[in-house]
Amino acid sequence: MRENTLKAVRICLLVLAITLIIHGIFNGSMRDVLFKAVRICTECIGLG
């Protein structure tokens, strides 16, 4: 029984993670994160 519960929790977490990733892509969060990452990266190496 414990294995079934653990498997169910893992599947629920996987489905939730995929749902949140898709939601983030569609509401524009992915673009914001990419721009921030590029800006931070160029500042770190002295291009910005």
C-alpha atoms as a PDB file:
ATOM      1  CA  MET A   1       0.000   0.000   0.000  1.00  0.00           C
ATOM      2  CA  ARG A   2       2.840   2.398   0.790  1.00  0.00           C
ATOM      3  CA  GLU A   3       4.349   1.912  -2.666  1.00  0.00           C
ATOM      4  CA  ASN A   4       1.025   2.749  -4.323  1.00  0.00           C
ATOM      5  CA  THR A   5       0.671   5.928  -2.278  1.00  0.00           C
ATOM      6  CA  LEU A   6       4.204   6.990  -3.094  1.00  0.00           C
ATOM      7  CA  LYS A   7       3.657   6.302  -6.780  1.00  0.00           C
ATOM      8  CA  ALA A   8       0.416   8.319  -6.752  1.00  0.00           C
ATOM      9  CA  VAL A   9       2.133  11.280  -5.069  1.00  0.00           C
ATOM     10  CA  ARG A  10       4.953  11.197  -7.617  1.00  0.00           C
ATOM     11  CA  ILE A  11       2.494  11.137 -10.513  1.00  0.00           C
ATOM     12  CA  CYS A  12       0.492  14.028  -9.018  1.00  0.00           C
ATOM     13  CA  LEU A  13       3.654  16.093  -8.564  1.00  0.00           C
ATOM     14  CA  LEU A  14       4.768  15.350 -12.118  1.00  0.00           C
ATOM     15  CA  VAL A  15       1.386  16.373 -13.543  1.00  0.00           C
ATOM     16  CA  LEU A  16       1.387  19.540 -11.420  1.00  0.00           C
ATOM     17  CA  ALA A  17       4.923  20.441 -12.527  1.00  0.00           C
ATOM     18  CA  ILE A  18       4.086  19.956 -16.209  1.00  0.00           C
ATOM     19  CA  THR A  19       0.890  21.996 -15.816  1.00  0.00           C
ATOM     20  CA  LEU A  20       2.733  24.884 -14.155  1.00  0.00           C
ATOM     21  CA  ILE A  21       5.492  24.846 -16.776  1.00  0.00           C
ATOM     22  CA  ILE A  22       2.939  25.012 -19.581  1.00  0.00           C
ATOM     23  CA  HIS A  23       1.061  27.804 -17.808  1.00  0.00           C
ATOM     24  CA  GLY A  24       4.304  29.760 -17.409  1.00  0.00           C
ATOM     25  CA  ILE A  25       5.134  29.382 -21.086  1.00  0.00           C
ATOM     26  CA  PHE A  26       1.725  30.621 -22.208  1.00  0.00           C
ATOM     27  CA  ASN A  27       1.551  33.642 -19.896  1.00  0.00           C
ATOM     28  CA  GLY A  28       4.955  35.000 -20.976  1.00  0.00           C
ATOM     29  CA  SER A  29       7.016  34.111 -17.929  1.00  0.00           C
ATOM     30  CA  MET A  30       9.497  32.113 -19.974  1.00  0.00           C
ATOM     31  CA  ARG A  31      10.418  35.211 -22.004  1.00  0.00           C
ATOM     32  CA  ASP A  32      10.910  37.281 -18.833  1.00  0.00           C
ATOM     33  CA  VAL A  33      13.155  34.666 -17.254  1.00  0.00           C
ATOM     34  CA  LEU A  34      15.211  34.360 -20.439  1.00  0.00           C
ATOM     35  CA  PHE A  35      15.729  38.135 -20.684  1.00  0.00           C
ATOM     36  CA  LYS A  36      16.747  38.372 -17.020  1.00  0.00           C
ATOM     37  CA  ALA A  37      19.165  35.459 -17.405  1.00  0.00           C
ATOM     38  CA  VAL A  38      20.786  37.013 -20.468  1.00  0.00           C
ATOM     39  CA  ARG A  39      21.102  40.383 -18.723  1.00  0.00           C
ATOM     40  CA  ILE A  40      22.657  38.842 -15.600  1.00  0.00           C
ATOM     41  CA  CYS A  41      25.011  36.707 -17.681  1.00  0.00           C
ATOM     42  CA  THR A  42      26.256  39.622 -19.767  1.00  0.00           C
ATOM     43  CA  GLU A  43      26.786  41.722 -16.626  1.00  0.00           C
ATOM     44  CA  CYS A  44      28.821  38.941 -15.014  1.00  0.00           C
ATOM     45  CA  ILE A  45      31.238  38.679 -17.910  1.00  0.00           C
ATOM     46  CA  GLY A  46      31.457  42.431 -18.337  1.00  0.00           C
ATOM     47  CA  LEU A  47      29.573  42.981 -21.576  1.00  0.00           C
ATOM     48  CA  GLY A  48      26.729  45.000 -20.051  1.00  0.00           C
END
